[in-house]
Amino acid sequence: MKPIAFVGAAFSIGGAATGSRLGCTFYRHNGQNKPKTALWHRTIWQKSNNLQVYPKGIARIRQSCQQLAHHVQHLRQGYFPVVIGGDHSCAIGTWSGMTQGKPAIGLLWIDAHFDSHTPATSLSKRIHGMPLAVLLGQGDKQLMLQQRAVIDRRYTVVFGVRSYETGEPELMQHLKVRYYTMLEIKQRGLNICLREAWHYVAACPQGFGVSLDLDGIDPSFAPAVSVPEPNGLYFPTLLKTLKLLPKRKLKAIEIVEFNPYCKGNRRTLAVLSALIRNLVPASKKHRVF
């Protein structure tokens, strides 16, 4: 397997709290049992940490995402990219970089929210609520780094959603994107649903990625996030299932929205560290972190 390369996405402009931009550096300096095969490639800092709502934040978010996409594209041939965010708008850069000059890939989006607003449906106008729509080729084209969908809707799944507004499930249904609400997960079982979702995205011929917002996990395990939502994914079962799933077609991961300024940051850091250890494929090549 490829060696692991970390990229920090110190983003917060499009989010709900400025502290999310420091999640990547907090992990870098305090993360537990980091992979010994990992290289910390770079941290990309947005030029401002002032929160801005659409459309004011577009130019800086686009610029930051272009930088992130450039580095992910550079790494993807020789490394397994792991992006640590930041608010979830960084996903526009991560997955655009993974698919620049290549076909669209599948994506497992683990999140308490759909993040599929468009400017027409968003009440908050925060851009961290729009990235999945952008990656699917919807919404404001100024936020699209490629003028196409960069993830394949036929192999895209939203998992763990439990908080959303009018317009988001309707868009998913229109695009025929599979999603699992927490109600379905609790009724059918987390292990069963996650295995099903994983095989759904892994069926993509070009491979797939995982984008995980820590607010998808129940706040009793991961409280230090910018937008916590109760009644989330039960972390021990999530971790155990992820550990056992096949990683052969997994191309990259990103984990976002860790806010070290929030209460319970050490508990959340332990969750973040455990997710990385159990999601990234093993590598035999040793690098400097």
C-alpha atoms as a PDB file:
ATOM      1  CA  MET A   1       0.000   0.000   0.000  1.00  0.00           C
ATOM      2  CA  LYS A   2       1.020   3.618  -0.476  1.00  0.00           C
ATOM      3  CA  PRO A   3       2.574   5.607   2.380  1.00  0.00           C
ATOM      4  CA  ILE A   4       0.278   8.060   4.143  1.00  0.00           C
ATOM      5  CA  ALA A   5       0.522  11.822   3.601  1.00  0.00           C
ATOM      6  CA  PHE A   6      -1.404  14.230   5.825  1.00  0.00           C
ATOM      7  CA  VAL A   7      -2.652  17.608   4.668  1.00  0.00           C
ATOM      8  CA  GLY A   8      -4.064  20.054   7.195  1.00  0.00           C
ATOM      9  CA  ALA A   9      -6.971  22.177   5.981  1.00  0.00           C
ATOM     10  CA  ALA A  10      -7.070  25.061   8.467  1.00  0.00           C
ATOM     11  CA  PHE A  11     -10.454  26.301   7.235  1.00  0.00           C
ATOM     12  CA  SER A  12     -13.165  28.084   9.178  1.00  0.00           C
ATOM     13  CA  ILE A  13     -14.494  30.953   7.026  1.00  0.00           C
ATOM     14  CA  GLY A  14     -17.455  28.940   5.770  1.00  0.00           C
ATOM     15  CA  GLY A  15     -18.208  27.261   9.088  1.00  0.00           C
ATOM     16  CA  ALA A  16     -19.990  27.918  12.364  1.00  0.00           C
ATOM     17  CA  ALA A  17     -16.968  28.571  14.627  1.00  0.00           C
ATOM     18  CA  THR A  18     -13.447  29.865  14.068  1.00  0.00           C
ATOM     19  CA  GLY A  19     -11.893  27.174  16.264  1.00  0.00           C
ATOM     20  CA  SER A  20     -12.357  24.501  13.610  1.00  0.00           C
ATOM     21  CA  ARG A  21      -9.356  25.862  11.702  1.00  0.00           C
ATOM     22  CA  LEU A  22      -7.034  24.670  14.480  1.00  0.00           C
ATOM     23  CA  GLY A  23      -8.250  21.074  14.518  1.00  0.00           C
ATOM     24  CA  CYS A  24      -5.518  19.893  12.156  1.00  0.00           C
ATOM     25  CA  THR A  25      -2.635  21.453  14.086  1.00  0.00           C
ATOM     26  CA  PHE A  26      -4.032  20.195  17.399  1.00  0.00           C
ATOM     27  CA  TYR A  27      -4.073  16.689  15.954  1.00  0.00           C
ATOM     28  CA  ARG A  28      -0.584  17.071  14.510  1.00  0.00           C
ATOM     29  CA  HIS A  29       0.937  18.020  17.864  1.00  0.00           C
ATOM     30  CA  ASN A  30      -1.241  15.978  20.228  1.00  0.00           C
ATOM     31  CA  GLY A  31      -2.698  13.067  18.261  1.00  0.00           C
ATOM     32  CA  GLN A  32      -2.360   9.648  19.833  1.00  0.00           C
ATOM     33  CA  ASN A  33      -0.569   6.706  18.206  1.00  0.00           C
ATOM     34  CA  LYS A  34      -0.110   8.405  14.846  1.00  0.00           C
ATOM     35  CA  PRO A  35       0.648   6.054  11.950  1.00  0.00           C
ATOM     36  CA  LYS A  36       4.411   5.461  11.863  1.00  0.00           C
ATOM     37  CA  THR A  37       4.243   5.399   8.089  1.00  0.00           C
ATOM     38  CA  ALA A  38       2.899   8.952   7.862  1.00  0.00           C
ATOM     39  CA  LEU A  39       4.316  12.144   6.429  1.00  0.00           C
ATOM     40  CA  TRP A  40       2.842  15.535   7.337  1.00  0.00           C
ATOM     41  CA  HIS A  41       2.914  17.155   3.920  1.00  0.00           C
ATOM     42  CA  ARG A  42       1.526  20.630   4.571  1.00  0.00           C
ATOM     43  CA  THR A  43      -1.039  22.742   6.413  1.00  0.00           C
ATOM     44  CA  ILE A  44      -3.044  25.145   4.261  1.00  0.00           C
ATOM     45  CA  TRP A  45      -4.166  28.227   6.182  1.00  0.00           C
ATOM     46  CA  GLN A  46      -7.024  30.386   5.034  1.00  0.00           C
ATOM     47  CA  LYS A  47      -5.928  34.020   4.982  1.00  0.00           C
ATOM     48  CA  SER A  48      -8.712  35.037   7.349  1.00  0.00           C
ATOM     49  CA  ASN A  49     -10.470  33.294  10.199  1.00  0.00           C
ATOM     50  CA  ASN A  50     -13.459  35.651  10.215  1.00  0.00           C
ATOM     51  CA  LEU A  51     -16.694  33.782   9.572  1.00  0.00           C
ATOM     52  CA  GLN A  52     -18.401  34.872   6.367  1.00  0.00           C
ATOM     53  CA  VAL A  53     -21.743  33.833   4.950  1.00  0.00           C
ATOM     54  CA  TYR A  54     -22.599  33.312   1.316  1.00  0.00           C
ATOM     55  CA  PRO A  55     -21.868  35.016  -0.997  1.00  0.00           C
ATOM     56  CA  LYS A  56     -19.169  36.992   0.859  1.00  0.00           C
ATOM     57  CA  GLY A  57     -16.959  34.022   1.590  1.00  0.00           C
ATOM     58  CA  ILE A  58     -16.803  32.607  -1.926  1.00  0.00           C
ATOM     59  CA  ALA A  59     -13.522  34.111  -3.152  1.00  0.00           C
ATOM     60  CA  ARG A  60     -11.400  33.072  -0.151  1.00  0.00           C
ATOM     61  CA  ILE A  61     -12.966  29.657   0.177  1.00  0.00           C
ATOM     62  CA  ARG A  62     -12.427  28.996  -3.514  1.00  0.00           C
ATOM     63  CA  GLN A  63      -8.788  30.094  -3.236  1.00  0.00           C
ATOM     64  CA  SER A  64      -8.168  27.851  -0.210  1.00  0.00           C
ATOM     65  CA  CYS A  65      -9.868  24.919  -1.900  1.00  0.00           C
ATOM     66  CA  GLN A  66      -7.754  25.415  -5.025  1.00  0.00           C
ATOM     67  CA  GLN A  67      -4.605  25.240  -2.893  1.00  0.00           C
ATOM     68  CA  LEU A  68      -5.841  22.106  -1.159  1.00  0.00           C
ATOM     69  CA  ALA A  69      -6.820  20.491  -4.472  1.00  0.00           C
ATOM     70  CA  HIS A  70      -3.365  21.232  -5.886  1.00  0.00           C
ATOM     71  CA  HIS A  71      -1.598  19.442  -3.030  1.00  0.00           C
ATOM     72  CA  VAL A  72      -3.994  16.497  -2.969  1.00  0.00           C
ATOM     73  CA  GLN A  73      -3.569  16.054  -6.722  1.00  0.00           C
ATOM     74  CA  HIS A  74       0.204  16.150  -6.277  1.00  0.00           C
ATOM     75  CA  LEU A  75       0.119  13.500  -3.546  1.00  0.00           C
ATOM     76  CA  ARG A  76      -2.431  11.072  -4.918  1.00  0.00           C
ATOM     77  CA  GLN A  77      -0.052   9.124  -7.174  1.00  0.00           C
ATOM     78  CA  GLY A  78       2.568   8.227  -4.604  1.00  0.00           C
ATOM     79  CA  TYR A  79       0.688   8.592  -1.314  1.00  0.00           C
ATOM     80  CA  PHE A  80      -2.596   7.888   0.396  1.00  0.00           C
ATOM     81  CA  PRO A  81      -3.915  11.405   1.203  1.00  0.00           C
ATOM     82  CA  VAL A  82      -5.475  12.074   4.611  1.00  0.00           C
ATOM     83  CA  VAL A  83      -6.991  15.552   4.947  1.00  0.00           C
ATOM     84  CA  ILE A  84      -7.717  16.899   8.417  1.00  0.00           C
ATOM     85  CA  GLY A  85     -10.110  19.894   8.474  1.00  0.00           C
ATOM     86  CA  GLY A  86     -11.364  22.504   9.247  1.00  0.00           C
ATOM     87  CA  ASP A  87     -14.926  23.257   8.316  1.00  0.00           C
ATOM     88  CA  HIS A  88     -16.452  20.889   5.792  1.00  0.00           C
ATOM     89  CA  SER A  89     -16.122  23.309   2.873  1.00  0.00           C
ATOM     90  CA  CYS A  90     -12.612  21.845   2.510  1.00  0.00           C
ATOM     91  CA  ALA A  91     -14.249  18.801   0.888  1.00  0.00           C
ATOM     92  CA  ILE A  92     -14.587  20.850  -2.301  1.00  0.00           C
ATOM     93  CA  GLY A  93     -10.786  20.985  -2.488  1.00  0.00           C
ATOM     94  CA  THR A  94     -10.073  17.427  -1.329  1.00  0.00           C
ATOM     95  CA  TRP A  95     -12.247  15.607  -3.838  1.00  0.00           C
ATOM     96  CA  SER A  96     -11.634  18.024  -6.698  1.00  0.00           C
ATOM     97  CA  GLY A  97      -7.932  17.307  -6.232  1.00  0.00           C
ATOM     98  CA  MET A  98      -8.510  13.558  -6.201  1.00  0.00           C
ATOM     99  CA  THR A  99     -10.384  13.684  -9.516  1.00  0.00           C
ATOM    100  CA  GLN A 100      -8.614  16.436 -11.467  1.00  0.00           C
ATOM    101  CA  GLY A 101      -8.028  14.968 -14.924  1.00  0.00           C
ATOM    102  CA  LYS A 102      -9.686  11.715 -13.848  1.00  0.00           C
ATOM    103  CA  PRO A 103     -13.218  10.305 -13.808  1.00  0.00           C
ATOM    104  CA  ALA A 104     -15.531  10.930 -10.866  1.00  0.00           C
ATOM    105  CA  ILE A 105     -15.205   8.595  -7.874  1.00  0.00           C
ATOM    106  CA  GLY A 106     -17.552   7.253  -5.223  1.00  0.00           C
ATOM    107  CA  LEU A 107     -17.867   8.907  -1.815  1.00  0.00           C
ATOM    108  CA  LEU A 108     -19.103   7.852   1.615  1.00  0.00           C
ATOM    109  CA  TRP A 109     -20.183  11.036   3.395  1.00  0.00           C
ATOM    110  CA  ILE A 110     -20.550  10.338   7.140  1.00  0.00           C
ATOM    111  CA  ASP A 111     -22.237  13.323   8.748  1.00  0.00           C
ATOM    112  CA  ALA A 112     -25.086  14.477  10.969  1.00  0.00           C
ATOM    113  CA  HIS A 113     -26.070  16.796   8.106  1.00  0.00           C
ATOM    114  CA  PHE A 114     -26.583  16.452   4.372  1.00  0.00           C
ATOM    115  CA  ASP A 115     -24.311  19.454   3.626  1.00  0.00           C
ATOM    116  CA  SER A 116     -26.303  19.627   0.410  1.00  0.00           C
ATOM    117  CA  HIS A 117     -27.765  23.101   0.540  1.00  0.00           C
ATOM    118  CA  THR A 118     -27.688  25.363  -2.458  1.00  0.00           C
ATOM    119  CA  PRO A 119     -27.841  29.162  -2.151  1.00  0.00           C
ATOM    120  CA  ALA A 120     -31.554  28.912  -2.909  1.00  0.00           C
ATOM    121  CA  THR A 121     -32.305  26.548  -0.003  1.00  0.00           C
ATOM    122  CA  SER A 122     -29.807  27.540   2.703  1.00  0.00           C
ATOM    123  CA  LEU A 123     -31.141  29.497   5.664  1.00  0.00           C
ATOM    124  CA  SER A 124     -27.783  29.991   7.366  1.00  0.00           C
ATOM    125  CA  LYS A 125     -25.870  30.746   4.116  1.00  0.00           C
ATOM    126  CA  ARG A 126     -22.828  29.022   5.627  1.00  0.00           C
ATOM    127  CA  ILE A 127     -20.803  27.388   2.897  1.00  0.00           C
ATOM    128  CA  HIS A 128     -19.879  24.406   5.073  1.00  0.00           C
ATOM    129  CA  GLY A 129     -23.503  23.387   4.538  1.00  0.00           C
ATOM    130  CA  MET A 130     -23.073  23.287   0.741  1.00  0.00           C
ATOM    131  CA  PRO A 131     -20.015  21.154  -0.220  1.00  0.00           C
ATOM    132  CA  LEU A 132     -21.732  17.880  -1.072  1.00  0.00           C
ATOM    133  CA  ALA A 133     -24.107  19.671  -3.422  1.00  0.00           C
ATOM    134  CA  VAL A 134     -21.114  21.377  -5.063  1.00  0.00           C
ATOM    135  CA  LEU A 135     -19.267  18.066  -5.479  1.00  0.00           C
ATOM    136  CA  LEU A 136     -22.380  16.662  -7.131  1.00  0.00           C
ATOM    137  CA  GLY A 137     -22.368  19.551  -9.616  1.00  0.00           C
ATOM    138  CA  GLN A 138     -25.171  21.530  -7.983  1.00  0.00           C
ATOM    139  CA  GLY A 139     -25.401  25.053  -6.550  1.00  0.00           C
ATOM    140  CA  ASP A 140     -23.171  28.058  -7.225  1.00  0.00           C
ATOM    141  CA  LYS A 141     -20.720  27.304 -10.025  1.00  0.00           C
ATOM    142  CA  GLN A 142     -18.227  29.750  -8.494  1.00  0.00           C
ATOM    143  CA  LEU A 143     -17.616  27.135  -5.797  1.00  0.00           C
ATOM    144  CA  MET A 144     -16.913  24.393  -8.336  1.00  0.00           C
ATOM    145  CA  LEU A 145     -13.224  23.915  -9.099  1.00  0.00           C
ATOM    146  CA  GLN A 146     -14.175  21.721 -12.037  1.00  0.00           C
ATOM    147  CA  GLN A 147     -17.237  22.516 -14.097  1.00  0.00           C
ATOM    148  CA  ARG A 148     -18.672  19.062 -13.547  1.00  0.00           C
ATOM    149  CA  ALA A 149     -19.618  16.677 -10.783  1.00  0.00           C
ATOM    150  CA  VAL A 150     -16.406  15.290  -9.254  1.00  0.00           C
ATOM    151  CA  ILE A 151     -18.113  12.473  -7.369  1.00  0.00           C
ATOM    152  CA  ASP A 152     -20.385   9.933  -9.001  1.00  0.00           C
ATOM    153  CA  ARG A 153     -23.885  10.181  -7.596  1.00  0.00           C
ATOM    154  CA  ARG A 154     -24.503   6.523  -8.447  1.00  0.00           C
ATOM    155  CA  TYR A 155     -21.833   5.588  -5.899  1.00  0.00           C
ATOM    156  CA  THR A 156     -22.387   8.312  -3.295  1.00  0.00           C
ATOM    157  CA  VAL A 157     -23.916   7.659   0.138  1.00  0.00           C
ATOM    158  CA  VAL A 158     -24.741  10.024   3.014  1.00  0.00           C
ATOM    159  CA  PHE A 159     -24.606   8.153   6.319  1.00  0.00           C
ATOM    160  CA  GLY A 160     -25.884   9.126   9.777  1.00  0.00           C
ATOM    161  CA  VAL A 161     -27.937  12.177   8.838  1.00  0.00           C
ATOM    162  CA  ARG A 162     -30.331  13.467  11.484  1.00  0.00           C
ATOM    163  CA  SER A 163     -30.489  17.249  11.065  1.00  0.00           C
ATOM    164  CA  TYR A 164     -31.512  18.909   7.831  1.00  0.00           C
ATOM    165  CA  GLU A 165     -33.676  21.584   6.260  1.00  0.00           C
ATOM    166  CA  THR A 166     -36.137  21.729   3.400  1.00  0.00           C
ATOM    167  CA  GLY A 167     -34.499  21.216   0.047  1.00  0.00           C
ATOM    168  CA  GLU A 168     -31.706  18.839   1.063  1.00  0.00           C
ATOM    169  CA  PRO A 169     -33.463  15.447   1.082  1.00  0.00           C
ATOM    170  CA  GLU A 170     -35.381  16.559  -1.998  1.00  0.00           C
ATOM    171  CA  LEU A 171     -32.096  17.199  -3.840  1.00  0.00           C
ATOM    172  CA  MET A 172     -30.731  13.811  -2.785  1.00  0.00           C
ATOM    173  CA  GLN A 173     -33.892  12.130  -3.989  1.00  0.00           C
ATOM    174  CA  HIS A 174     -33.774  14.026  -7.278  1.00  0.00           C
ATOM    175  CA  LEU A 175     -30.172  12.929  -7.855  1.00  0.00           C
ATOM    176  CA  LYS A 176     -30.948   9.407  -6.608  1.00  0.00           C
ATOM    177  CA  VAL A 177     -28.227   9.610  -3.951  1.00  0.00           C
ATOM    178  CA  ARG A 178     -28.648   6.941  -1.279  1.00  0.00           C
ATOM    179  CA  TYR A 179     -28.790   8.214   2.280  1.00  0.00           C
ATOM    180  CA  TYR A 180     -29.179   6.591   5.687  1.00  0.00           C
ATOM    181  CA  THR A 181     -30.905   8.545   8.415  1.00  0.00           C
ATOM    182  CA  MET A 182     -30.241   7.725  12.053  1.00  0.00           C
ATOM    183  CA  LEU A 183     -33.795   6.380  12.235  1.00  0.00           C
ATOM    184  CA  GLU A 184     -33.016   3.748   9.590  1.00  0.00           C
ATOM    185  CA  ILE A 185     -29.640   2.966  11.168  1.00  0.00           C
ATOM    186  CA  LYS A 186     -31.208   2.388  14.582  1.00  0.00           C
ATOM    187  CA  GLN A 187     -33.971   0.254  13.106  1.00  0.00           C
ATOM    188  CA  ARG A 188     -31.708  -1.952  10.974  1.00  0.00           C
ATOM    189  CA  GLY A 189     -28.447  -1.798  12.926  1.00  0.00           C
ATOM    190  CA  LEU A 190     -25.292   0.258  12.470  1.00  0.00           C
ATOM    191  CA  ASN A 191     -23.116  -2.682  11.452  1.00  0.00           C
ATOM    192  CA  ILE A 192     -25.540  -3.849   8.759  1.00  0.00           C
ATOM    193  CA  CYS A 193     -26.155  -0.366   7.343  1.00  0.00           C
ATOM    194  CA  LEU A 194     -22.491   0.657   7.290  1.00  0.00           C
ATOM    195  CA  ARG A 195     -21.394  -2.529   5.547  1.00  0.00           C
ATOM    196  CA  GLU A 196     -24.134  -2.017   2.995  1.00  0.00           C
ATOM    197  CA  ALA A 197     -23.157   1.639   2.430  1.00  0.00           C
ATOM    198  CA  TRP A 198     -19.454   0.750   2.139  1.00  0.00           C
ATOM    199  CA  HIS A 199     -20.059  -1.871  -0.539  1.00  0.00           C
ATOM    200  CA  TYR A 200     -22.369   0.549  -2.345  1.00  0.00           C
ATOM    201  CA  VAL A 201     -19.631   3.189  -2.770  1.00  0.00           C
ATOM    202  CA  ALA A 202     -16.870   0.600  -3.288  1.00  0.00           C
ATOM    203  CA  ALA A 203     -18.714  -0.614  -6.387  1.00  0.00           C
ATOM    204  CA  CYS A 204     -17.456   2.486  -8.208  1.00  0.00           C
ATOM    205  CA  PRO A 205     -14.955   1.318 -10.865  1.00  0.00           C
ATOM    206  CA  GLN A 206     -12.700   4.325 -10.133  1.00  0.00           C
ATOM    207  CA  GLY A 207     -12.579   3.708  -6.386  1.00  0.00           C
ATOM    208  CA  PHE A 208     -14.002   5.834  -3.584  1.00  0.00           C
ATOM    209  CA  GLY A 209     -13.222   8.132  -0.682  1.00  0.00           C
ATOM    210  CA  VAL A 210     -14.541   8.742   2.831  1.00  0.00           C
ATOM    211  CA  SER A 211     -15.446  12.203   4.115  1.00  0.00           C
ATOM    212  CA  LEU A 212     -16.256  12.062   7.827  1.00  0.00           C
ATOM    213  CA  ASP A 213     -17.605  14.960   9.848  1.00  0.00           C
ATOM    214  CA  LEU A 214     -17.051  14.238  13.526  1.00  0.00           C
ATOM    215  CA  ASP A 215     -20.518  15.584  14.338  1.00  0.00           C
ATOM    216  CA  GLY A 216     -21.861  12.400  12.737  1.00  0.00           C
ATOM    217  CA  ILE A 217     -20.682  10.575  15.868  1.00  0.00           C
ATOM    218  CA  ASP A 218     -22.747  10.860  19.020  1.00  0.00           C
ATOM    219  CA  PRO A 219     -21.492  13.818  21.110  1.00  0.00           C
ATOM    220  CA  SER A 220     -21.102  11.573  24.147  1.00  0.00           C
ATOM    221  CA  PHE A 221     -17.990  10.278  22.341  1.00  0.00           C
ATOM    222  CA  ALA A 222     -16.970  13.299  20.202  1.00  0.00           C
ATOM    223  CA  PRO A 223     -18.296  16.490  21.814  1.00  0.00           C
ATOM    224  CA  ALA A 224     -15.663  18.959  20.500  1.00  0.00           C
ATOM    225  CA  VAL A 225     -17.296  19.844  17.208  1.00  0.00           C
ATOM    226  CA  SER A 226     -18.691  23.128  15.973  1.00  0.00           C
ATOM    227  CA  VAL A 227     -22.262  21.921  15.366  1.00  0.00           C
ATOM    228  CA  PRO A 228     -23.005  18.997  17.733  1.00  0.00           C
ATOM    229  CA  GLU A 229     -26.172  16.980  17.161  1.00  0.00           C
ATOM    230  CA  PRO A 230     -27.601  14.501  19.702  1.00  0.00           C
ATOM    231  CA  ASN A 231     -28.426  10.859  19.004  1.00  0.00           C
ATOM    232  CA  GLY A 232     -25.558  10.151  16.650  1.00  0.00           C
ATOM    233  CA  LEU A 233     -23.541   7.123  15.598  1.00  0.00           C
ATOM    234  CA  TYR A 234     -22.398   4.816  18.404  1.00  0.00           C
ATOM    235  CA  PHE A 235     -18.635   5.092  18.163  1.00  0.00           C
ATOM    236  CA  PRO A 236     -17.468   1.657  19.387  1.00  0.00           C
ATOM    237  CA  THR A 237     -19.622  -0.104  16.782  1.00  0.00           C
ATOM    238  CA  LEU A 238     -18.659   2.386  14.078  1.00  0.00           C
ATOM    239  CA  LEU A 239     -14.955   1.884  14.755  1.00  0.00           C
ATOM    240  CA  LYS A 240     -15.161  -1.898  14.956  1.00  0.00           C
ATOM    241  CA  THR A 241     -17.044  -2.068  11.655  1.00  0.00           C
ATOM    242  CA  LEU A 242     -14.734   0.367   9.847  1.00  0.00           C
ATOM    243  CA  LYS A 243     -11.702  -1.607  10.975  1.00  0.00           C
ATOM    244  CA  LEU A 244     -12.978  -4.782   9.324  1.00  0.00           C
ATOM    245  CA  LEU A 245     -14.143  -3.306   6.018  1.00  0.00           C
ATOM    246  CA  PRO A 246     -11.996  -3.866   2.889  1.00  0.00           C
ATOM    247  CA  LYS A 247      -9.805  -0.871   1.985  1.00  0.00           C
ATOM    248  CA  ARG A 248      -8.482  -2.010  -1.400  1.00  0.00           C
ATOM    249  CA  LYS A 249     -10.449   0.565  -3.433  1.00  0.00           C
ATOM    250  CA  LEU A 250     -10.274   3.358  -0.840  1.00  0.00           C
ATOM    251  CA  LYS A 251      -8.340   6.277  -2.378  1.00  0.00           C
ATOM    252  CA  ALA A 252      -8.291   8.961   0.350  1.00  0.00           C
ATOM    253  CA  ILE A 253     -10.033  10.090   3.531  1.00  0.00           C
ATOM    254  CA  GLU A 254     -10.831  13.374   5.190  1.00  0.00           C
ATOM    255  CA  ILE A 255     -11.996  14.007   8.753  1.00  0.00           C
ATOM    256  CA  VAL A 256     -13.363  17.439   9.564  1.00  0.00           C
ATOM    257  CA  GLU A 257     -14.967  19.832  12.048  1.00  0.00           C
ATOM    258  CA  PHE A 258     -12.839  19.007  15.104  1.00  0.00           C
ATOM    259  CA  ASN A 259     -12.888  22.158  17.241  1.00  0.00           C
ATOM    260  CA  PRO A 260     -10.227  21.965  19.973  1.00  0.00           C
ATOM    261  CA  TYR A 261     -11.688  25.039  21.718  1.00  0.00           C
ATOM    262  CA  CYS A 262     -14.811  23.081  22.632  1.00  0.00           C
ATOM    263  CA  LYS A 263     -15.292  21.104  25.824  1.00  0.00           C
ATOM    264  CA  GLY A 264     -14.180  17.492  25.562  1.00  0.00           C
ATOM    265  CA  ASN A 265     -11.375  18.147  23.091  1.00  0.00           C
ATOM    266  CA  ARG A 266      -9.188  15.331  24.443  1.00  0.00           C
ATOM    267  CA  ARG A 267     -11.985  12.791  24.132  1.00  0.00           C
ATOM    268  CA  THR A 268     -12.686  13.968  20.597  1.00  0.00           C
ATOM    269  CA  LEU A 269      -8.990  13.880  19.736  1.00  0.00           C
ATOM    270  CA  ALA A 270      -8.884  10.235  20.837  1.00  0.00           C
ATOM    271  CA  VAL A 271     -11.828   9.508  18.523  1.00  0.00           C
ATOM    272  CA  LEU A 272     -10.107  11.294  15.631  1.00  0.00           C
ATOM    273  CA  SER A 273      -6.874   9.385  16.230  1.00  0.00           C
ATOM    274  CA  ALA A 274      -8.672   6.043  16.412  1.00  0.00           C
ATOM    275  CA  LEU A 275     -10.568   6.734  13.187  1.00  0.00           C
ATOM    276  CA  ILE A 276      -7.355   7.447  11.316  1.00  0.00           C
ATOM    277  CA  ARG A 277      -5.655   4.309  12.620  1.00  0.00           C
ATOM    278  CA  ASN A 278      -8.586   2.139  11.565  1.00  0.00           C
ATOM    279  CA  LEU A 279      -9.447   3.791   8.249  1.00  0.00           C
ATOM    280  CA  VAL A 280      -6.094   4.194   6.514  1.00  0.00           C
ATOM    281  CA  PRO A 281      -4.671   1.144   4.734  1.00  0.00           C
ATOM    282  CA  ALA A 282      -1.469  -0.279   6.137  1.00  0.00           C
ATOM    283  CA  SER A 283       1.834   0.739   4.523  1.00  0.00           C
ATOM    284  CA  LYS A 284       5.341  -0.712   4.802  1.00  0.00           C
ATOM    285  CA  LYS A 285       7.174   2.473   3.865  1.00  0.00           C
ATOM    286  CA  HIS A 286       8.246   4.566   6.828  1.00  0.00           C
ATOM    287  CA  ARG A 287       8.174   8.355   6.654  1.00  0.00           C
ATOM    288  CA  VAL A 288       8.674  11.283   9.018  1.00  0.00           C
ATOM    289  CA  PHE A 289       5.541  12.760  10.614  1.00  0.00           C
END
